[in-house]
Structure formats: C-alpha cells, structure tokens
C-alpha cells in the first residue's frame, strides 16, 4: 500500500544538481528559470540495514535529529562509525542525481540534501513540487511535512503541496532512499498559478 503523507496545508506550519562546486563559489544563488532548486548540500551515501525495508526506513532517523540538520559546506557528520562530509553540489539540470555526483552505483542506501531559501518577506500560497527516486521525506524548518514510502522512478512535480515561506531563512532537508539503480530527486517552488517565484535566494549556510 502506498503511503503518501502531505502535511503542507497545516497552518501555521506554512513552511514548508550535477557537479561538485569549486572552493570559493558564491554562497548565494537563485532557483533556475522554472523554479527548480539546483544548489544543495549533499551527504551520501549512507548504507542502510539489509534486513529492514525502505518503506520503514524512510520514516526512521538515520541521523539523530535529522529534522534539524543545518550543515555548511565541508561539515563532517558521523554515521555508523564513518565520517561523511557535506558537499555543495549544483545540478546541471532540473533534478539532482546522487550516483552521478558520487561517480558510482549505490544501492540500498540513503542520502540527504539540504538547502536554505531566503525571502525578503513572507510569501503565502507557495506550491512546493517534488519528485524522488525512490522513497522521499522532507523536513521544513525542523518539522516533518512530507513522506513517500514506495519505490518509484523520478517524475518531476509528482507531488505538490501549498506552503508559506516565512520572511528570512527557511531550512529544507530532503531525504531520499535508493533501493536499486537510479537515485534522484527534484524540487521547485512556484506561485499558485504555476509561475516560478521571483526574488528568492538559495543559500549554502543557515
């Protein structure tokens, strides 16, 4: 049974890539012309327990306090006895691809993408459109707002929810599990008519 949790509409929640960046890259960018976020901080791959199913694991923490992650480029995080480094990536297209960034095939694992969206004012009725290959989960400003628990190919804008971006910096954690083969994700922000939002800043630090 497919379980798709869309909590975007709960008020006052309201809040709801591929080359490694070069050192010294600008700390602030913008969404692309269609509203897709291309700049992220990536932590991957994180191996998953063989005995557990991905549908359960997407709802389980792989990093303690993962909803509140606020990394910077180059930060280290210890997972399962290993030190992994957060790395800035910029997707060359409207979706990011973990395996392409890592230059290796990675199955039965999870990866994290974090980005920071800065607004000069509160923006209501924002449409957040997401897709993942396979399972996906999103935390916004420390709140669990979305989960998709089944294996699937990447479909752009597969799931949509209405949110409000607060004035200032909004933290987004996008967690994606790969069962086998392709491992991808995409997210974009538009107004309620589907037009890309203007005057948003994508930051690499909180």
C-alpha atoms as a PDB file:
ATOM      1  CA  UNK A   1       0.000   0.000   0.000  1.00  0.00           C
ATOM      2  CA  UNK A   2       1.313   3.395  -0.940  1.00  0.00           C
ATOM      3  CA  UNK A   3       1.556   5.835   1.920  1.00  0.00           C
ATOM      4  CA  UNK A   4       1.968   9.410   0.854  1.00  0.00           C
ATOM      5  CA  UNK A   5       1.909  11.948   3.653  1.00  0.00           C
ATOM      6  CA  UNK A   6       1.291  15.542   2.610  1.00  0.00           C
ATOM      7  CA  UNK A   7       1.130  17.853   5.594  1.00  0.00           C
ATOM      8  CA  UNK A   8       1.816  21.055   3.726  1.00  0.00           C
ATOM      9  CA  UNK A   9      -1.576  22.622   4.375  1.00  0.00           C
ATOM     10  CA  UNK A  10      -1.364  22.530   8.161  1.00  0.00           C
ATOM     11  CA  UNK A  11      -1.305  26.092   9.498  1.00  0.00           C
ATOM     12  CA  UNK A  12       0.641  27.699  10.984  1.00  0.00           C
ATOM     13  CA  UNK A  13       3.326  25.366   9.572  1.00  0.00           C
ATOM     14  CA  UNK A  14       3.227  27.307   6.412  1.00  0.00           C
ATOM     15  CA  UNK A  15       6.794  26.414   5.819  1.00  0.00           C
ATOM     16  CA  UNK A  16       7.357  24.098   4.031  1.00  0.00           C
ATOM     17  CA  UNK A  17      22.274  19.009  -9.292  1.00  0.00           C
ATOM     18  CA  UNK A  18      25.478  17.725 -11.172  1.00  0.00           C
ATOM     19  CA  UNK A  19      28.894  18.879 -10.333  1.00  0.00           C
ATOM     20  CA  UNK A  20      30.756  19.417  -7.126  1.00  0.00           C
ATOM     21  CA  UNK A  21      31.153  23.125  -6.522  1.00  0.00           C
ATOM     22  CA  UNK A  22      34.566  24.708  -6.561  1.00  0.00           C
ATOM     23  CA  UNK A  23      36.021  26.219  -3.431  1.00  0.00           C
ATOM     24  CA  UNK A  24      35.155  29.863  -3.116  1.00  0.00           C
ATOM     25  CA  UNK A  25      31.871  29.583  -5.048  1.00  0.00           C
ATOM     26  CA  UNK A  26      29.247  32.200  -4.274  1.00  0.00           C
ATOM     27  CA  UNK A  27      27.289  31.499  -1.101  1.00  0.00           C
ATOM     28  CA  UNK A  28      24.009  32.718  -2.624  1.00  0.00           C
ATOM     29  CA  UNK A  29      22.296  31.678  -5.865  1.00  0.00           C
ATOM     30  CA  UNK A  30      18.726  31.599  -7.198  1.00  0.00           C
ATOM     31  CA  UNK A  31      16.296  28.929  -8.400  1.00  0.00           C
ATOM     32  CA  UNK A  32      16.509  28.217 -12.122  1.00  0.00           C
ATOM     33  CA  UNK A  33      14.072  29.881 -14.599  1.00  0.00           C
ATOM     34  CA  UNK A  34      11.461  27.173 -13.960  1.00  0.00           C
ATOM     35  CA  UNK A  35      11.755  27.466 -10.194  1.00  0.00           C
ATOM     36  CA  UNK A  36      13.818  24.300  -9.594  1.00  0.00           C
ATOM     37  CA  UNK A  37      16.372  24.398  -6.800  1.00  0.00           C
ATOM     38  CA  UNK A  38      19.752  23.326  -8.183  1.00  0.00           C
ATOM     39  CA  UNK A  39      22.112  24.163  -5.326  1.00  0.00           C
ATOM     40  CA  UNK A  40      22.233  21.780  -2.384  1.00  0.00           C
ATOM     41  CA  UNK A  41      24.494  20.459   0.345  1.00  0.00           C
ATOM     42  CA  UNK A  42      24.749  16.675  -0.093  1.00  0.00           C
ATOM     43  CA  UNK A  43      25.584  13.946   2.411  1.00  0.00           C
ATOM     44  CA  UNK A  44      25.763  10.483   0.823  1.00  0.00           C
ATOM     45  CA  UNK A  45      25.907   7.531   0.625  1.00  0.00           C
ATOM     46  CA  UNK A  46      24.675   6.202   3.958  1.00  0.00           C
ATOM     47  CA  UNK A  47      24.313   2.408   3.969  1.00  0.00           C
ATOM     48  CA  UNK A  48      21.028   1.016   5.279  1.00  0.00           C
ATOM     49  CA  UNK A  49      20.479  -2.153   7.342  1.00  0.00           C
ATOM     50  CA  UNK A  50      19.982  -5.102   4.997  1.00  0.00           C
ATOM     51  CA  UNK A  51      17.130  -6.623   6.998  1.00  0.00           C
ATOM     52  CA  UNK A  52      14.931  -3.512   7.026  1.00  0.00           C
ATOM     53  CA  UNK A  53      12.561  -2.392   4.280  1.00  0.00           C
ATOM     54  CA  UNK A  54      12.909   1.002   2.626  1.00  0.00           C
ATOM     55  CA  UNK A  55       9.278   1.911   3.353  1.00  0.00           C
ATOM     56  CA  UNK A  56      10.011   1.708   7.081  1.00  0.00           C
ATOM     57  CA  UNK A  57      13.480   3.221   6.872  1.00  0.00           C
ATOM     58  CA  UNK A  58      12.327   6.431   5.193  1.00  0.00           C
ATOM     59  CA  UNK A  59      10.294   7.063   8.351  1.00  0.00           C
ATOM     60  CA  UNK A  60      13.231   6.210  10.641  1.00  0.00           C
ATOM     61  CA  UNK A  61      16.081   8.555  11.570  1.00  0.00           C
ATOM     62  CA  UNK A  62      19.436   7.635  10.058  1.00  0.00           C
ATOM     63  CA  UNK A  63      20.991  10.746  11.625  1.00  0.00           C
ATOM     64  CA  UNK A  64      19.997  11.698  15.144  1.00  0.00           C
ATOM     65  CA  UNK A  65      17.912  14.860  14.970  1.00  0.00           C
ATOM     66  CA  UNK A  66      17.897  14.818  11.155  1.00  0.00           C
ATOM     67  CA  UNK A  67      14.886  17.120  11.002  1.00  0.00           C
ATOM     68  CA  UNK A  68      17.016  19.911  12.452  1.00  0.00           C
ATOM     69  CA  UNK A  69      20.076  19.473  10.235  1.00  0.00           C
ATOM     70  CA  UNK A  70      21.730  22.790   9.361  1.00  0.00           C
ATOM     71  CA  UNK A  71      25.065  21.898   7.772  1.00  0.00           C
ATOM     72  CA  UNK A  72      27.584  24.061   5.975  1.00  0.00           C
ATOM     73  CA  UNK A  73      29.809  23.040   3.081  1.00  0.00           C
ATOM     74  CA  UNK A  74      32.658  20.910   4.447  1.00  0.00           C
ATOM     75  CA  UNK A  75      30.992  19.984   7.751  1.00  0.00           C
ATOM     76  CA  UNK A  76      31.505  16.411   8.987  1.00  0.00           C
ATOM     77  CA  UNK A  77      28.755  14.107  10.247  1.00  0.00           C
ATOM     78  CA  UNK A  78      29.415  10.742  11.938  1.00  0.00           C
ATOM     79  CA  UNK A  79      27.098   7.921  10.797  1.00  0.00           C
ATOM     80  CA  UNK A  80      27.531   4.244  11.637  1.00  0.00           C
ATOM     81  CA  UNK A  81      31.119   4.807  12.680  1.00  0.00           C
ATOM     82  CA  UNK A  82      32.035   6.696   9.494  1.00  0.00           C
ATOM     83  CA  UNK A  83      32.729  10.391   8.965  1.00  0.00           C
ATOM     84  CA  UNK A  84      30.934  11.793   5.913  1.00  0.00           C
ATOM     85  CA  UNK A  85      31.422  15.289   4.524  1.00  0.00           C
ATOM     86  CA  UNK A  86      28.691  17.678   3.420  1.00  0.00           C
ATOM     87  CA  UNK A  87      29.464  18.861  -0.111  1.00  0.00           C
ATOM     88  CA  UNK A  88      27.912  21.625  -2.182  1.00  0.00           C
ATOM     89  CA  UNK A  89      26.569  20.376  -5.494  1.00  0.00           C
ATOM     90  CA  UNK A  90      24.984  22.255  -8.363  1.00  0.00           C
ATOM     91  CA  UNK A  91      22.714  20.222 -10.626  1.00  0.00           C
ATOM     92  CA  UNK A  92      23.228  20.855 -14.357  1.00  0.00           C
ATOM     93  CA  UNK A  93      19.526  20.169 -14.941  1.00  0.00           C
ATOM     94  CA  UNK A  94      16.216  20.367 -13.100  1.00  0.00           C
ATOM     95  CA  UNK A  95      16.965  17.329 -10.911  1.00  0.00           C
ATOM     96  CA  UNK A  96      19.943  16.047  -8.965  1.00  0.00           C
ATOM     97  CA  UNK A  97      21.470  12.577  -9.301  1.00  0.00           C
ATOM     98  CA  UNK A  98      23.345  11.096  -6.335  1.00  0.00           C
ATOM     99  CA  UNK A  99      25.085   8.352  -8.341  1.00  0.00           C
ATOM    100  CA  UNK A 100      26.284  10.809 -10.970  1.00  0.00           C
ATOM    101  CA  UNK A 101      27.778  13.055  -8.278  1.00  0.00           C
ATOM    102  CA  UNK A 102      29.386  10.116  -6.485  1.00  0.00           C
ATOM    103  CA  UNK A 103      30.520   8.544  -9.780  1.00  0.00           C
ATOM    104  CA  UNK A 104      29.459   5.133  -8.531  1.00  0.00           C
ATOM    105  CA  UNK A 105      26.376   2.937  -8.245  1.00  0.00           C
ATOM    106  CA  UNK A 106      24.917   2.922  -4.741  1.00  0.00           C
ATOM    107  CA  UNK A 107      22.031   0.622  -3.801  1.00  0.00           C
ATOM    108  CA  UNK A 108      20.086   0.198  -0.536  1.00  0.00           C
ATOM    109  CA  UNK A 109      21.318   3.476   0.878  1.00  0.00           C
ATOM    110  CA  UNK A 110      20.053   6.907   1.823  1.00  0.00           C
ATOM    111  CA  UNK A 111      21.258  10.411   1.047  1.00  0.00           C
ATOM    112  CA  UNK A 112      20.453  13.850   2.385  1.00  0.00           C
ATOM    113  CA  UNK A 113      20.111  17.139   0.534  1.00  0.00           C
ATOM    114  CA  UNK A 114      19.869  20.403   2.463  1.00  0.00           C
ATOM    115  CA  UNK A 115      19.256  23.893   1.161  1.00  0.00           C
ATOM    116  CA  UNK A 116      18.314  27.285   2.619  1.00  0.00           C
ATOM    117  CA  UNK A 117      15.721  29.506   0.971  1.00  0.00           C
ATOM    118  CA  UNK A 118      15.841  33.171   1.956  1.00  0.00           C
ATOM    119  CA  UNK A 119      12.894  35.522   1.421  1.00  0.00           C
ATOM    120  CA  UNK A 120      12.674  39.265   1.995  1.00  0.00           C
ATOM    121  CA  UNK A 121       9.030  38.903   3.025  1.00  0.00           C
ATOM    122  CA  UNK A 122       6.513  36.220   3.953  1.00  0.00           C
ATOM    123  CA  UNK A 123       5.129  34.523   0.832  1.00  0.00           C
ATOM    124  CA  UNK A 124       1.828  32.596   1.242  1.00  0.00           C
ATOM    125  CA  UNK A 125       0.285  30.053  -1.137  1.00  0.00           C
ATOM    126  CA  UNK A 126       3.606  28.771  -2.453  1.00  0.00           C
ATOM    127  CA  UNK A 127       3.445  25.478  -4.349  1.00  0.00           C
ATOM    128  CA  UNK A 128       6.286  23.096  -3.463  1.00  0.00           C
ATOM    129  CA  UNK A 129       6.509  20.415  -6.174  1.00  0.00           C
ATOM    130  CA  UNK A 130       8.750  17.403  -5.538  1.00  0.00           C
ATOM    131  CA  UNK A 131       9.782  14.098  -7.072  1.00  0.00           C
ATOM    132  CA  UNK A 132      12.067  11.330  -5.822  1.00  0.00           C
ATOM    133  CA  UNK A 133      13.600   8.043  -6.914  1.00  0.00           C
ATOM    134  CA  UNK A 134      12.907   6.125  -4.676  1.00  0.00           C
ATOM    135  CA  UNK A 135      11.372   6.996  -1.274  1.00  0.00           C
ATOM    136  CA  UNK A 136      11.445  10.629  -0.148  1.00  0.00           C
ATOM    137  CA  UNK A 137      10.958  12.624   3.034  1.00  0.00           C
ATOM    138  CA  UNK A 138      11.051  16.389   3.647  1.00  0.00           C
ATOM    139  CA  UNK A 139      11.588  18.388   6.808  1.00  0.00           C
ATOM    140  CA  UNK A 140      10.902  22.117   6.749  1.00  0.00           C
ATOM    141  CA  UNK A 141      12.280  24.340   9.497  1.00  0.00           C
ATOM    142  CA  UNK A 142      12.605  21.286  11.721  1.00  0.00           C
ATOM    143  CA  UNK A 143       9.111  19.939  11.008  1.00  0.00           C
ATOM    144  CA  UNK A 144       8.346  16.640   9.251  1.00  0.00           C
ATOM    145  CA  UNK A 145       5.959  17.678   6.461  1.00  0.00           C
ATOM    146  CA  UNK A 146       6.103  15.004   3.748  1.00  0.00           C
ATOM    147  CA  UNK A 147       6.879  11.341   3.142  1.00  0.00           C
ATOM    148  CA  UNK A 148       6.513   8.989   0.174  1.00  0.00           C
ATOM    149  CA  UNK A 149       7.198   5.365   1.100  1.00  0.00           C
ATOM    150  CA  UNK A 150       7.146   3.394  -2.176  1.00  0.00           C
ATOM    151  CA  UNK A 151       9.797   2.733  -4.827  1.00  0.00           C
ATOM    152  CA  UNK A 152       9.247   4.775  -7.994  1.00  0.00           C
ATOM    153  CA  UNK A 153      11.062   6.398 -10.919  1.00  0.00           C
ATOM    154  CA  UNK A 154      11.711  10.125 -10.862  1.00  0.00           C
ATOM    155  CA  UNK A 155       8.710  12.097 -12.095  1.00  0.00           C
ATOM    156  CA  UNK A 156       9.112  15.855 -11.923  1.00  0.00           C
ATOM    157  CA  UNK A 157       6.441  17.568  -9.801  1.00  0.00           C
ATOM    158  CA  UNK A 158       4.950  14.185  -8.819  1.00  0.00           C
ATOM    159  CA  UNK A 159       3.679  15.575  -5.516  1.00  0.00           C
ATOM    160  CA  UNK A 160       2.595  19.120  -4.757  1.00  0.00           C
ATOM    161  CA  UNK A 161       1.627  20.945  -1.599  1.00  0.00           C
ATOM    162  CA  UNK A 162       0.710  24.507  -0.651  1.00  0.00           C
ATOM    163  CA  UNK A 163       3.003  26.154   1.894  1.00  0.00           C
ATOM    164  CA  UNK A 164       4.028  29.579   3.149  1.00  0.00           C
ATOM    165  CA  UNK A 165       7.656  30.700   3.099  1.00  0.00           C
ATOM    166  CA  UNK A 166       8.464  32.813   6.135  1.00  0.00           C
ATOM    167  CA  UNK A 167      10.447  36.032   5.945  1.00  0.00           C
ATOM    168  CA  UNK A 168      14.125  35.240   6.431  1.00  0.00           C
ATOM    169  CA  UNK A 169      15.814  31.852   6.005  1.00  0.00           C
ATOM    170  CA  UNK A 170      13.797  28.650   5.525  1.00  0.00           C
ATOM    171  CA  UNK A 171      15.619  25.337   6.083  1.00  0.00           C
ATOM    172  CA  UNK A 172      14.809  22.367   3.842  1.00  0.00           C
ATOM    173  CA  UNK A 173      16.060  18.809   4.417  1.00  0.00           C
ATOM    174  CA  UNK A 174      15.256  16.411   1.541  1.00  0.00           C
ATOM    175  CA  UNK A 175      16.000  12.760   2.369  1.00  0.00           C
ATOM    176  CA  UNK A 176      15.922  10.145  -0.408  1.00  0.00           C
ATOM    177  CA  UNK A 177      16.405   6.358  -0.274  1.00  0.00           C
ATOM    178  CA  UNK A 178      17.643   4.352  -3.241  1.00  0.00           C
ATOM    179  CA  UNK A 179      16.581   0.715  -3.359  1.00  0.00           C
ATOM    180  CA  UNK A 180      18.316  -0.100  -6.653  1.00  0.00           C
ATOM    181  CA  UNK A 181      19.514   1.573  -9.857  1.00  0.00           C
ATOM    182  CA  UNK A 182      18.736   5.305 -10.262  1.00  0.00           C
ATOM    183  CA  UNK A 183      18.862   7.665  -7.273  1.00  0.00           C
ATOM    184  CA  UNK A 184      17.465  11.124  -7.944  1.00  0.00           C
ATOM    185  CA  UNK A 185      15.340  13.981  -6.664  1.00  0.00           C
ATOM    186  CA  UNK A 186      13.856  17.312  -7.707  1.00  0.00           C
ATOM    187  CA  UNK A 187      12.133  20.244  -6.028  1.00  0.00           C
ATOM    188  CA  UNK A 188      10.769  23.526  -7.263  1.00  0.00           C
ATOM    189  CA  UNK A 189       8.805  26.465  -5.885  1.00  0.00           C
ATOM    190  CA  UNK A 190       6.059  28.293  -7.781  1.00  0.00           C
ATOM    191  CA  UNK A 191       3.094  30.529  -7.097  1.00  0.00           C
ATOM    192  CA  UNK A 192      -0.410  29.045  -7.128  1.00  0.00           C
ATOM    193  CA  UNK A 193      -0.691  29.622 -10.889  1.00  0.00           C
ATOM    194  CA  UNK A 194       2.469  27.585 -11.515  1.00  0.00           C
ATOM    195  CA  UNK A 195       4.719  30.552 -12.294  1.00  0.00           C
ATOM    196  CA  UNK A 196       8.246  30.341 -10.794  1.00  0.00           C
ATOM    197  CA  UNK A 197       8.760  32.555  -7.762  1.00  0.00           C
ATOM    198  CA  UNK A 198      10.986  35.590  -8.149  1.00  0.00           C
ATOM    199  CA  UNK A 199      13.359  37.231  -5.687  1.00  0.00           C
ATOM    200  CA  UNK A 200      14.228  34.063  -3.779  1.00  0.00           C
ATOM    201  CA  UNK A 201      17.784  33.426  -2.644  1.00  0.00           C
ATOM    202  CA  UNK A 202      19.249  29.930  -2.305  1.00  0.00           C
ATOM    203  CA  UNK A 203      21.950  29.898   0.380  1.00  0.00           C
ATOM    204  CA  UNK A 204      24.619  27.377   1.336  1.00  0.00           C
ATOM    205  CA  UNK A 205      24.594  28.207   5.037  1.00  0.00           C
ATOM    206  CA  UNK A 206      21.839  28.843   7.597  1.00  0.00           C
END
